[in-house]
C-alpha atoms as a PDB file:
ATOM      1  CA  MET A   1       0.000   0.000   0.000  1.00  0.00           C
ATOM      2  CA  SER A   2       1.465   3.326  -0.998  1.00  0.00           C
ATOM      3  CA  GLY A   3       1.359   6.536   0.981  1.00  0.00           C
ATOM      4  CA  ASN A   4       1.999   4.863   4.333  1.00  0.00           C
ATOM      5  CA  SER A   5       3.239   6.616   7.430  1.00  0.00           C
ATOM      6  CA  SER A   6       6.839   5.437   7.142  1.00  0.00           C
ATOM      7  CA  ASP A   7       7.638   7.432   3.992  1.00  0.00           C
ATOM      8  CA  SER A   8       5.354  10.453   4.304  1.00  0.00           C
ATOM      9  CA  PRO A   9       6.317  13.898   5.603  1.00  0.00           C
ATOM     10  CA  GLY A  10       6.363  14.909   9.258  1.00  0.00           C
ATOM     11  CA  ARG A  11       2.929  16.409   8.843  1.00  0.00           C
ATOM     12  CA  LEU A  12      -0.507  15.109   8.033  1.00  0.00           C
ATOM     13  CA  ILE A  13      -3.830  16.674   7.168  1.00  0.00           C
ATOM     14  CA  ALA A  14      -6.779  15.501   9.240  1.00  0.00           C
ATOM     15  CA  ILE A  15     -10.241  16.178   7.841  1.00  0.00           C
ATOM     16  CA  ASP A  16     -13.580  15.650   9.550  1.00  0.00           C
ATOM     17  CA  TRP A  17     -16.167  15.970   6.777  1.00  0.00           C
ATOM     18  CA  GLY A  18     -19.787  15.577   7.725  1.00  0.00           C
ATOM     19  CA  THR A  19     -23.216  16.244   6.336  1.00  0.00           C
ATOM     20  CA  SER A  20     -23.149  19.935   7.240  1.00  0.00           C
ATOM     21  CA  ASN A  21     -19.522  20.939   7.809  1.00  0.00           C
ATOM     22  CA  PHE A  22     -15.969  20.588   6.544  1.00  0.00           C
ATOM     23  CA  ARG A  23     -13.136  20.854   9.080  1.00  0.00           C
ATOM     24  CA  ALA A  24      -9.476  20.471   8.084  1.00  0.00           C
ATOM     25  CA  PHE A  25      -6.397  20.525  10.321  1.00  0.00           C
ATOM     26  CA  LEU A  26      -2.700  20.605   9.471  1.00  0.00           C
ATOM     27  CA  VAL A  27      -1.006  18.498  12.131  1.00  0.00           C
ATOM     28  CA  ASP A  28       2.580  17.907  13.243  1.00  0.00           C
ATOM     29  CA  ARG A  29       2.805  14.106  13.403  1.00  0.00           C
ATOM     30  CA  GLU A  30       5.367  13.939  16.181  1.00  0.00           C
ATOM     31  CA  SER A  31       3.746  16.319  18.658  1.00  0.00           C
ATOM     32  CA  GLY A  32       0.128  16.107  17.495  1.00  0.00           C
ATOM     33  CA  GLU A  33       0.044  19.912  17.470  1.00  0.00           C
ATOM     34  CA  CYS A  34      -2.455  21.618  15.182  1.00  0.00           C
ATOM     35  CA  LEU A  35      -0.457  24.013  13.000  1.00  0.00           C
ATOM     36  CA  ASP A  36      -3.391  25.479  11.079  1.00  0.00           C
ATOM     37  CA  SER A  37      -7.083  24.834  10.545  1.00  0.00           C
ATOM     38  CA  ARG A  38      -9.853  25.666   8.093  1.00  0.00           C
ATOM     39  CA  ARG A  39     -13.609  25.278   8.364  1.00  0.00           C
ATOM     40  CA  SER A  40     -16.561  25.753   6.086  1.00  0.00           C
ATOM     41  CA  GLU A  41     -20.201  24.809   5.774  1.00  0.00           C
ATOM     42  CA  ALA A  42     -19.484  22.798   2.619  1.00  0.00           C
ATOM     43  CA  GLY A  43     -20.877  19.555   3.965  1.00  0.00           C
ATOM     44  CA  LEU A  44     -21.849  16.524   1.919  1.00  0.00           C
ATOM     45  CA  ARG A  45     -25.258  17.848   0.999  1.00  0.00           C
ATOM     46  CA  SER A  46     -23.759  20.935  -0.644  1.00  0.00           C
ATOM     47  CA  LEU A  47     -21.468  19.017  -3.050  1.00  0.00           C
ATOM     48  CA  SER A  48     -21.849  16.470  -5.829  1.00  0.00           C
ATOM     49  CA  SER A  49     -19.611  13.388  -5.957  1.00  0.00           C
ATOM     50  CA  ALA A  50     -17.443  14.873  -8.693  1.00  0.00           C
ATOM     51  CA  GLU A  51     -16.780  18.007  -6.652  1.00  0.00           C
ATOM     52  CA  PHE A  52     -15.206  16.335  -3.611  1.00  0.00           C
ATOM     53  CA  PRO A  53     -11.591  15.974  -4.850  1.00  0.00           C
ATOM     54  CA  HIS A  54     -11.557  19.473  -6.324  1.00  0.00           C
ATOM     55  CA  TYR A  55     -12.991  21.094  -3.200  1.00  0.00           C
ATOM     56  CA  CYS A  56     -10.596  19.211  -0.930  1.00  0.00           C
ATOM     57  CA  ALA A  57      -7.579  20.085  -3.081  1.00  0.00           C
ATOM     58  CA  ALA A  58      -8.588  23.740  -3.144  1.00  0.00           C
ATOM     59  CA  GLN A  59      -8.907  23.845   0.649  1.00  0.00           C
ATOM     60  CA  VAL A  60      -5.635  22.138   1.579  1.00  0.00           C
ATOM     61  CA  GLY A  61      -3.476  22.267  -1.566  1.00  0.00           C
ATOM     62  CA  ASP A  62      -1.107  24.902  -0.184  1.00  0.00           C
ATOM     63  CA  TRP A  63      -0.536  22.855   2.982  1.00  0.00           C
ATOM     64  CA  ARG A  64       0.412  19.825   0.888  1.00  0.00           C
ATOM     65  CA  GLU A  65       2.829  21.731  -1.342  1.00  0.00           C
ATOM     66  CA  GLU A  66       4.574  23.488   1.533  1.00  0.00           C
ATOM     67  CA  GLY A  67       4.894  20.313   3.579  1.00  0.00           C
ATOM     68  CA  GLY A  68       6.108  18.222   0.685  1.00  0.00           C
ATOM     69  CA  ALA A  69       8.576  20.812  -0.528  1.00  0.00           C
ATOM     70  CA  ALA A  70       9.936  21.368   2.958  1.00  0.00           C
ATOM     71  CA  SER A  71      10.646  17.691   3.530  1.00  0.00           C
ATOM     72  CA  GLY A  72      11.595  16.690  -0.005  1.00  0.00           C
ATOM     73  CA  ALA A  73       8.916  14.009   0.105  1.00  0.00           C
ATOM     74  CA  GLU A  74       5.576  13.361  -1.548  1.00  0.00           C
ATOM     75  CA  SER A  75       2.483  15.401  -0.794  1.00  0.00           C
ATOM     76  CA  VAL A  76       1.402  15.570   2.826  1.00  0.00           C
ATOM     77  CA  PRO A  77      -1.013  12.660   3.413  1.00  0.00           C
ATOM     78  CA  ILE A  78      -4.695  13.343   4.012  1.00  0.00           C
ATOM     79  CA  TYR A  79      -6.892  11.244   6.291  1.00  0.00           C
ATOM     80  CA  LEU A  80     -10.637  11.834   6.049  1.00  0.00           C
ATOM     81  CA  ALA A  81     -13.165  10.699   8.643  1.00  0.00           C
ATOM     82  CA  GLY A  82     -16.910  11.039   8.991  1.00  0.00           C
ATOM     83  CA  MET A  83     -19.815  10.877   6.565  1.00  0.00           C
ATOM     84  CA  VAL A  84     -17.420  11.610   3.698  1.00  0.00           C
ATOM     85  CA  GLY A  85     -16.978   7.825   3.603  1.00  0.00           C
ATOM     86  CA  SER A  86     -20.698   7.036   3.302  1.00  0.00           C
ATOM     87  CA  LYS A  87     -22.695   6.205   0.176  1.00  0.00           C
ATOM     88  CA  ARG A  88     -23.722   9.879   0.115  1.00  0.00           C
ATOM     89  CA  GLY A  89     -20.112  11.060   0.369  1.00  0.00           C
ATOM     90  CA  TRP A  90     -16.923  11.058  -1.682  1.00  0.00           C
ATOM     91  CA  SER A  91     -16.425   7.299  -1.824  1.00  0.00           C
ATOM     92  CA  GLU A  92     -17.859   4.576   0.359  1.00  0.00           C
ATOM     93  CA  ALA A  93     -15.530   3.080   2.955  1.00  0.00           C
ATOM     94  CA  PRO A  94     -16.497  -0.133   4.739  1.00  0.00           C
ATOM     95  CA  GLN A  95     -18.122  -0.206   8.152  1.00  0.00           C
ATOM     96  CA  LEU A  96     -16.252  -2.796  10.208  1.00  0.00           C
ATOM     97  CA  ASP A  97     -17.791  -5.200  12.704  1.00  0.00           C
ATOM     98  CA  LEU A  98     -16.849  -4.846  16.349  1.00  0.00           C
ATOM     99  CA  PRO A  99     -14.522  -5.254  18.134  1.00  0.00           C
ATOM    100  CA  VAL A 100     -12.271  -2.811  16.286  1.00  0.00           C
ATOM    101  CA  SER A 101      -8.851  -1.335  17.078  1.00  0.00           C
ATOM    102  CA  ALA A 102      -7.129   1.714  15.604  1.00  0.00           C
ATOM    103  CA  ALA A 103      -4.919  -0.711  13.674  1.00  0.00           C
ATOM    104  CA  ASP A 104      -8.025  -2.370  12.183  1.00  0.00           C
ATOM    105  CA  LEU A 105      -9.267   1.005  10.966  1.00  0.00           C
ATOM    106  CA  ALA A 106      -5.850   1.797   9.482  1.00  0.00           C
ATOM    107  CA  ALA A 107      -5.761  -1.548   7.663  1.00  0.00           C
ATOM    108  CA  HIS A 108      -9.053  -0.813   5.921  1.00  0.00           C
ATOM    109  CA  VAL A 109      -8.691   2.805   4.784  1.00  0.00           C
ATOM    110  CA  VAL A 110      -9.626   3.316   1.129  1.00  0.00           C
ATOM    111  CA  PRO A 111      -8.009   5.680  -1.377  1.00  0.00           C
ATOM    112  CA  ALA A 112      -9.976   8.852  -2.040  1.00  0.00           C
ATOM    113  CA  PRO A 113     -10.623   8.890  -5.812  1.00  0.00           C
ATOM    114  CA  GLY A 114      -9.077  11.779  -7.703  1.00  0.00           C
ATOM    115  CA  LEU A 115      -6.520  12.835  -5.083  1.00  0.00           C
ATOM    116  CA  ASP A 116      -3.159  11.208  -4.418  1.00  0.00           C
ATOM    117  CA  ASN A 117      -2.112  10.064  -0.950  1.00  0.00           C
ATOM    118  CA  ALA A 118      -5.580  10.763   0.468  1.00  0.00           C
ATOM    119  CA  TRP A 119      -7.333   8.102   2.537  1.00  0.00           C
ATOM    120  CA  ILE A 120     -10.911   7.683   3.736  1.00  0.00           C
ATOM    121  CA  VAL A 121     -11.283   6.060   7.136  1.00  0.00           C
ATOM    122  CA  PRO A 122     -13.836   3.253   7.575  1.00  0.00           C
ATOM    123  CA  GLY A 123     -16.697   3.424  10.053  1.00  0.00           C
ATOM    124  CA  VAL A 124     -18.006   0.695  12.338  1.00  0.00           C
ATOM    125  CA  LYS A 125     -21.272  -1.190  12.738  1.00  0.00           C
ATOM    126  CA  ILE A 126     -23.184  -3.568  14.971  1.00  0.00           C
ATOM    127  CA  VAL A 127     -25.565  -6.023  13.337  1.00  0.00           C
ATOM    128  CA  ASP A 128     -27.035  -8.715  15.559  1.00  0.00           C
ATOM    129  CA  ALA A 129     -30.439 -10.008  16.587  1.00  0.00           C
ATOM    130  CA  THR A 130     -31.048  -7.348  19.252  1.00  0.00           C
ATOM    131  CA  HIS A 131     -28.965  -4.346  18.214  1.00  0.00           C
ATOM    132  CA  VAL A 132     -28.279  -2.787  14.807  1.00  0.00           C
ATOM    133  CA  ASP A 133     -26.254   0.433  14.791  1.00  0.00           C
ATOM    134  CA  VAL A 134     -23.775   2.391  12.672  1.00  0.00           C
ATOM    135  CA  MET A 135     -21.080   4.993  13.265  1.00  0.00           C
ATOM    136  CA  ARG A 136     -18.884   7.193  11.059  1.00  0.00           C
ATOM    137  CA  GLY A 137     -16.394   9.662  12.517  1.00  0.00           C
ATOM    138  CA  GLU A 138     -17.056   9.235  16.230  1.00  0.00           C
ATOM    139  CA  GLU A 139     -14.930   6.068  16.346  1.00  0.00           C
ATOM    140  CA  ILE A 140     -11.899   8.219  15.483  1.00  0.00           C
ATOM    141  CA  GLN A 141     -12.761  10.635  18.293  1.00  0.00           C
ATOM    142  CA  ALA A 142     -13.167   7.762  20.742  1.00  0.00           C
ATOM    143  CA  PHE A 143      -9.713   6.406  19.922  1.00  0.00           C
ATOM    144  CA  GLY A 144      -8.353   9.938  20.126  1.00  0.00           C
ATOM    145  CA  ALA A 145      -9.870  10.313  23.596  1.00  0.00           C
ATOM    146  CA  LEU A 146      -8.166   7.079  24.668  1.00  0.00           C
ATOM    147  CA  SER A 147      -4.834   8.437  23.462  1.00  0.00           C
ATOM    148  CA  LEU A 148      -5.264  11.836  25.108  1.00  0.00           C
ATOM    149  CA  CYS A 149      -6.311  10.251  28.412  1.00  0.00           C
ATOM    150  CA  ASN A 150      -3.506   7.668  28.219  1.00  0.00           C
ATOM    151  CA  THR A 151      -5.844   4.781  28.943  1.00  0.00           C
ATOM    152  CA  ARG A 152      -6.986   1.569  27.269  1.00  0.00           C
ATOM    153  CA  GLU A 153     -10.500   1.442  28.689  1.00  0.00           C
ATOM    154  CA  ALA A 154     -13.218   4.057  28.684  1.00  0.00           C
ATOM    155  CA  LEU A 155     -16.881   4.878  28.356  1.00  0.00           C
ATOM    156  CA  CYS A 156     -17.131   7.829  25.944  1.00  0.00           C
ATOM    157  CA  CYS A 157     -20.072  10.104  25.267  1.00  0.00           C
ATOM    158  CA  LEU A 158     -19.953  11.944  21.930  1.00  0.00           C
ATOM    159  CA  PRO A 159     -22.951  14.308  21.903  1.00  0.00           C
ATOM    160  CA  GLY A 160     -24.515  15.746  18.777  1.00  0.00           C
ATOM    161  CA  THR A 161     -27.384  15.420  16.348  1.00  0.00           C
ATOM    162  CA  HIS A 162     -27.014  11.656  16.727  1.00  0.00           C
ATOM    163  CA  SER A 163     -25.198  11.175  20.024  1.00  0.00           C
ATOM    164  CA  LYS A 164     -22.957   8.160  20.487  1.00  0.00           C
ATOM    165  CA  TRP A 165     -21.958   6.296  23.629  1.00  0.00           C
ATOM    166  CA  ALA A 166     -18.918   4.113  22.970  1.00  0.00           C
ATOM    167  CA  ARG A 167     -17.343   1.526  25.261  1.00  0.00           C
ATOM    168  CA  LEU A 168     -13.678   0.708  24.755  1.00  0.00           C
ATOM    169  CA  ALA A 169     -11.735  -2.118  26.415  1.00  0.00           C
ATOM    170  CA  ASP A 170      -8.135  -3.195  25.866  1.00  0.00           C
ATOM    171  CA  ALA A 171      -7.752  -0.313  23.373  1.00  0.00           C
ATOM    172  CA  ARG A 172     -10.559  -1.695  21.190  1.00  0.00           C
ATOM    173  CA  LEU A 173     -14.037  -0.355  20.505  1.00  0.00           C
ATOM    174  CA  VAL A 174     -16.300  -3.129  21.778  1.00  0.00           C
ATOM    175  CA  ASP A 175     -19.780  -1.582  21.901  1.00  0.00           C
ATOM    176  CA  PHE A 176     -21.700   1.589  21.110  1.00  0.00           C
ATOM    177  CA  THR A 177     -25.231   2.974  20.932  1.00  0.00           C
ATOM    178  CA  THR A 178     -26.735   5.914  19.072  1.00  0.00           C
ATOM    179  CA  ALA A 179     -29.336   8.324  20.477  1.00  0.00           C
ATOM    180  CA  MET A 180     -31.193  10.746  18.174  1.00  0.00           C
ATOM    181  CA  THR A 181     -31.056  13.406  20.871  1.00  0.00           C
ATOM    182  CA  GLY A 182     -30.162  16.501  18.872  1.00  0.00           C
ATOM    183  CA  GLU A 183     -32.452  15.662  15.977  1.00  0.00           C
ATOM    184  CA  LEU A 184     -35.378  14.869  18.287  1.00  0.00           C
ATOM    185  CA  TYR A 185     -34.883  18.118  20.200  1.00  0.00           C
ATOM    186  CA  HIS A 186     -34.946  20.096  16.957  1.00  0.00           C
ATOM    187  CA  ALA A 187     -38.000  18.262  15.655  1.00  0.00           C
ATOM    188  CA  VAL A 188     -39.999  18.747  18.861  1.00  0.00           C
ATOM    189  CA  ARG A 189     -39.000  22.389  19.285  1.00  0.00           C
ATOM    190  CA  PHE A 190     -39.799  23.467  15.730  1.00  0.00           C
ATOM    191  CA  HIS A 191     -42.481  21.043  14.561  1.00  0.00           C
ATOM    192  CA  THR A 192     -44.741  20.152  17.507  1.00  0.00           C
ATOM    193  CA  LEU A 193     -47.344  21.818  19.700  1.00  0.00           C
ATOM    194  CA  PRO A 194     -45.312  21.458  22.945  1.00  0.00           C
ATOM    195  CA  GLY A 195     -42.381  23.202  21.268  1.00  0.00           C
ATOM    196  CA  GLU A 196     -44.420  26.092  19.897  1.00  0.00           C
ATOM    197  CA  PRO A 197     -43.387  28.645  22.582  1.00  0.00           C
ATOM    198  CA  ALA A 198     -39.721  27.832  21.888  1.00  0.00           C
ATOM    199  CA  ARG A 199     -39.656  28.697  18.187  1.00  0.00           C
ATOM    200  CA  GLU A 200     -37.649  31.855  18.856  1.00  0.00           C
ATOM    201  CA  SER A 201     -34.149  31.680  20.347  1.00  0.00           C
ATOM    202  CA  ALA A 202     -33.828  32.284  24.092  1.00  0.00           C
ATOM    203  CA  GLU A 203     -31.106  32.256  26.718  1.00  0.00           C
ATOM    204  CA  PHE A 204     -30.341  28.970  28.457  1.00  0.00           C
ATOM    205  CA  ASP A 205     -32.378  28.605  31.642  1.00  0.00           C
ATOM    206  CA  ALA A 206     -30.779  26.279  34.196  1.00  0.00           C
ATOM    207  CA  ALA A 207     -33.921  25.889  36.309  1.00  0.00           C
ATOM    208  CA  ALA A 208     -36.010  24.862  33.287  1.00  0.00           C
ATOM    209  CA  PHE A 209     -33.284  22.470  32.119  1.00  0.00           C
ATOM    210  CA  ASP A 210     -33.254  20.853  35.576  1.00  0.00           C
ATOM    211  CA  GLN A 211     -37.047  20.515  35.432  1.00  0.00           C
ATOM    212  CA  GLY A 212     -36.573  18.684  32.135  1.00  0.00           C
ATOM    213  CA  LEU A 213     -33.969  16.390  33.698  1.00  0.00           C
ATOM    214  CA  GLU A 214     -36.419  15.497  36.450  1.00  0.00           C
ATOM    215  CA  ALA A 215     -39.281  14.974  33.982  1.00  0.00           C
ATOM    216  CA  ALA A 216     -37.071  12.615  31.959  1.00  0.00           C
ATOM    217  CA  GLY A 217     -37.259  10.174  34.846  1.00  0.00           C
ATOM    218  CA  HIS A 218     -41.072   9.953  34.773  1.00  0.00           C
ATOM    219  CA  PRO A 219     -42.249   6.310  34.648  1.00  0.00           C
ATOM    220  CA  ALA A 220     -44.217   7.078  31.468  1.00  0.00           C
ATOM    221  CA  GLY A 221     -40.969   7.835  29.641  1.00  0.00           C
ATOM    222  CA  ILE A 222     -39.818  10.454  27.162  1.00  0.00           C
ATOM    223  CA  LEU A 223     -43.052  10.510  25.147  1.00  0.00           C
ATOM    224  CA  HIS A 224     -44.884  11.846  28.186  1.00  0.00           C
ATOM    225  CA  ALA A 225     -42.005  13.995  29.444  1.00  0.00           C
ATOM    226  CA  LEU A 226     -41.841  15.925  26.166  1.00  0.00           C
ATOM    227  CA  PHE A 227     -45.552  16.707  26.356  1.00  0.00           C
ATOM    228  CA  GLU A 228     -45.025  18.194  29.807  1.00  0.00           C
ATOM    229  CA  ALA A 229     -43.468  21.174  28.042  1.00  0.00           C
ATOM    230  CA  ARG A 230     -47.039  21.976  26.984  1.00  0.00           C
ATOM    231  CA  SER A 231     -48.826  21.227  30.241  1.00  0.00           C
ATOM    232  CA  ARG A 232     -46.227  22.967  32.408  1.00  0.00           C
ATOM    233  CA  HIS A 233     -46.383  26.002  30.161  1.00  0.00           C
ATOM    234  CA  LEU A 234     -50.163  26.133  30.606  1.00  0.00           C
ATOM    235  CA  TYR A 235     -50.473  25.367  34.314  1.00  0.00           C
ATOM    236  CA  SER A 236     -47.153  25.149  36.135  1.00  0.00           C
ATOM    237  CA  GLY A 237     -45.353  28.416  35.447  1.00  0.00           C
ATOM    238  CA  LEU A 238     -42.996  27.296  32.687  1.00  0.00           C
ATOM    239  CA  ALA A 239     -42.508  30.496  30.685  1.00  0.00           C
ATOM    240  CA  GLY A 240     -42.359  30.454  26.891  1.00  0.00           C
ATOM    241  CA  GLU A 241     -38.700  31.427  26.925  1.00  0.00           C
ATOM    242  CA  GLN A 242     -37.978  28.465  29.240  1.00  0.00           C
ATOM    243  CA  VAL A 243     -39.573  25.794  27.062  1.00  0.00           C
ATOM    244  CA  GLY A 244     -36.483  25.246  24.890  1.00  0.00           C
ATOM    245  CA  SER A 245     -34.285  24.627  27.942  1.00  0.00           C
ATOM    246  CA  PHE A 246     -36.918  22.288  29.385  1.00  0.00           C
ATOM    247  CA  LEU A 247     -37.008  20.250  26.161  1.00  0.00           C
ATOM    248  CA  SER A 248     -33.218  20.139  26.157  1.00  0.00           C
ATOM    249  CA  GLY A 249     -33.294  18.797  29.699  1.00  0.00           C
ATOM    250  CA  VAL A 250     -35.817  16.116  28.745  1.00  0.00           C
ATOM    251  CA  THR A 251     -33.955  14.888  25.664  1.00  0.00           C
ATOM    252  CA  ILE A 252     -30.434  14.991  27.122  1.00  0.00           C
ATOM    253  CA  GLY A 253     -31.713  13.685  30.450  1.00  0.00           C
ATOM    254  CA  SER A 254     -33.419  10.731  28.780  1.00  0.00           C
ATOM    255  CA  GLU A 255     -30.230   9.882  26.903  1.00  0.00           C
ATOM    256  CA  VAL A 256     -28.020  10.026  29.980  1.00  0.00           C
ATOM    257  CA  LEU A 257     -30.566   8.186  32.153  1.00  0.00           C
ATOM    258  CA  SER A 258     -30.712   5.349  29.625  1.00  0.00           C
ATOM    259  CA  GLN A 259     -26.931   5.047  29.676  1.00  0.00           C
ATOM    260  CA  ARG A 260     -26.876   5.055  33.466  1.00  0.00           C
ATOM    261  CA  ARG A 261     -29.232   2.057  33.343  1.00  0.00           C
ATOM    262  CA  ILE A 262     -27.050   0.314  30.733  1.00  0.00           C
ATOM    263  CA  HIS A 263     -23.852   1.031  32.702  1.00  0.00           C
ATOM    264  CA  PRO A 264     -24.959   1.012  36.362  1.00  0.00           C
ATOM    265  CA  GLN A 265     -21.421   0.516  37.685  1.00  0.00           C
ATOM    266  CA  ALA A 266     -19.717   3.104  35.462  1.00  0.00           C
ATOM    267  CA  GLY A 267     -17.803   5.831  37.226  1.00  0.00           C
ATOM    268  CA  GLU A 268     -16.069   8.143  34.766  1.00  0.00           C
ATOM    269  CA  VAL A 269     -17.372   9.144  31.353  1.00  0.00           C
ATOM    270  CA  ILE A 270     -15.099  10.826  28.822  1.00  0.00           C
ATOM    271  CA  LEU A 271     -17.204  13.576  27.285  1.00  0.00           C
ATOM    272  CA  VAL A 272     -16.020  14.416  23.759  1.00  0.00           C
ATOM    273  CA  GLY A 273     -17.740  17.447  22.278  1.00  0.00           C
ATOM    274  CA  SER A 274     -18.020  21.192  21.889  1.00  0.00           C
ATOM    275  CA  THR A 275     -17.966  23.560  24.843  1.00  0.00           C
ATOM    276  CA  THR A 276     -21.667  24.436  24.553  1.00  0.00           C
ATOM    277  CA  LEU A 277     -22.961  20.867  24.457  1.00  0.00           C
ATOM    278  CA  ASN A 278     -20.448  19.678  27.037  1.00  0.00           C
ATOM    279  CA  GLN A 279     -21.868  22.079  29.613  1.00  0.00           C
ATOM    280  CA  LEU A 280     -25.370  20.643  29.201  1.00  0.00           C
ATOM    281  CA  TYR A 281     -24.206  17.028  29.228  1.00  0.00           C
ATOM    282  CA  ARG A 282     -21.978  17.599  32.248  1.00  0.00           C
ATOM    283  CA  ARG A 283     -24.974  18.978  34.126  1.00  0.00           C
ATOM    284  CA  ALA A 284     -27.078  15.926  33.253  1.00  0.00           C
ATOM    285  CA  MET A 285     -24.288  13.434  33.968  1.00  0.00           C
ATOM    286  CA  THR A 286     -23.423  14.972  37.316  1.00  0.00           C
ATOM    287  CA  ALA A 287     -27.069  14.710  38.352  1.00  0.00           C
ATOM    288  CA  LEU A 288     -26.866  10.961  37.649  1.00  0.00           C
ATOM    289  CA  ASP A 289     -23.590  10.409  39.500  1.00  0.00           C
ATOM    290  CA  PHE A 290     -21.244  10.116  36.554  1.00  0.00           C
ATOM    291  CA  GLU A 291     -17.762  11.570  36.932  1.00  0.00           C
ATOM    292  CA  VAL A 292     -16.942  13.586  33.824  1.00  0.00           C
ATOM    293  CA  ARG A 293     -13.671  14.161  32.006  1.00  0.00           C
ATOM    294  CA  GLU A 294     -14.013  16.568  29.079  1.00  0.00           C
ATOM    295  CA  ILE A 295     -12.100  16.327  25.796  1.00  0.00           C
ATOM    296  CA  ASP A 296     -12.498  18.864  22.986  1.00  0.00           C
ATOM    297  CA  SER A 297     -13.912  17.169  19.899  1.00  0.00           C
ATOM    298  CA  ASP A 298     -11.348  18.742  17.539  1.00  0.00           C
ATOM    299  CA  GLN A 299      -8.476  17.561  19.731  1.00  0.00           C
ATOM    300  CA  ALA A 300      -9.960  14.064  19.850  1.00  0.00           C
ATOM    301  CA  THR A 301     -10.262  13.973  16.048  1.00  0.00           C
ATOM    302  CA  LEU A 302      -6.628  15.021  15.623  1.00  0.00           C
ATOM    303  CA  ALA A 303      -5.349  12.515  18.170  1.00  0.00           C
ATOM    304  CA  GLY A 304      -7.431   9.715  16.655  1.00  0.00           C
ATOM    305  CA  LEU A 305      -6.290  10.351  13.094  1.00  0.00           C
ATOM    306  CA  CYS A 306      -2.659  10.662  14.227  1.00  0.00           C
ATOM    307  CA  ALA A 307      -2.980   7.283  15.976  1.00  0.00           C
ATOM    308  CA  LEU A 308      -4.448   5.767  12.809  1.00  0.00           C
ATOM    309  CA  ALA A 309      -1.782   7.339  10.578  1.00  0.00           C
ATOM    310  CA  GLU A 310       0.983   5.799  12.697  1.00  0.00           C
ATOM    311  CA  ARG A 311      -0.492   2.365  11.996  1.00  0.00           C
ATOM    312  CA  HIS A 312      -1.242   2.894   8.289  1.00  0.00           C
ATOM    313  CA  GLY A 313       0.946   0.674   6.154  1.00  0.00           C
ATOM    314  CA  HIS A 314       2.471  -1.283   9.035  1.00  0.00           C
END
């Protein structure tokens, strides 16, 4: 396999390319330091298949030329993770069955058509009689979190539109589950009667969020708890500007409560996400007796792709 880590420059380009966003990072391989970064809203849905190599080259071409020229080697290698490897993306990369290590991911990268020394990282999947699930991109962040925390075992929460909870043991991803938390929150807030007062943006309200966390534990479950946004607004003093925070508390609270039931003995959770979401998840996790260690999602992506690059070609 050409373009492996043993003959490439001392830099790599790490790209997290999803449905809505493009994020590229120029990374020093030895230190893992981010030397430069670029972001855009040119996600998968804004490009056709033929446009991917041209857009990518336009975004990072100068990084490749400078790095290659400086080292006298070939172009700086590119590693791409996320939905870019789906059927809807640049080129489909396989989704591997668990358990999976960083070395397994490295062994199954696929060349990105139309661009030399560019590699698309595979995702992972679970397909059995009781659980069918898929993941693209978060597996890299989970392995990055392991590296940054210098551990081989962890329970990771990766919040987002489709939140992931990933369990790693002996430096391998052994289980994960997806929760449609972000998408459900958006759908309820903007397309249902209970969410009607929350159509306009409003400041976060901690008291309303905590009410939502408590409602998430109702025996009738999330389908009832979400409707309480309506009934509390009518008869229990929940102001219109508080409804969004209440719904956030219900959806995030339901997710975290479910994971507490799945992992009753778990102590620490590594929370991999953005600052804004991390604050909400930390609040919910603390209420359910999880200890939380936070990792920035960009840093986790860089560390994960660096770990994969070190294994590529070996």
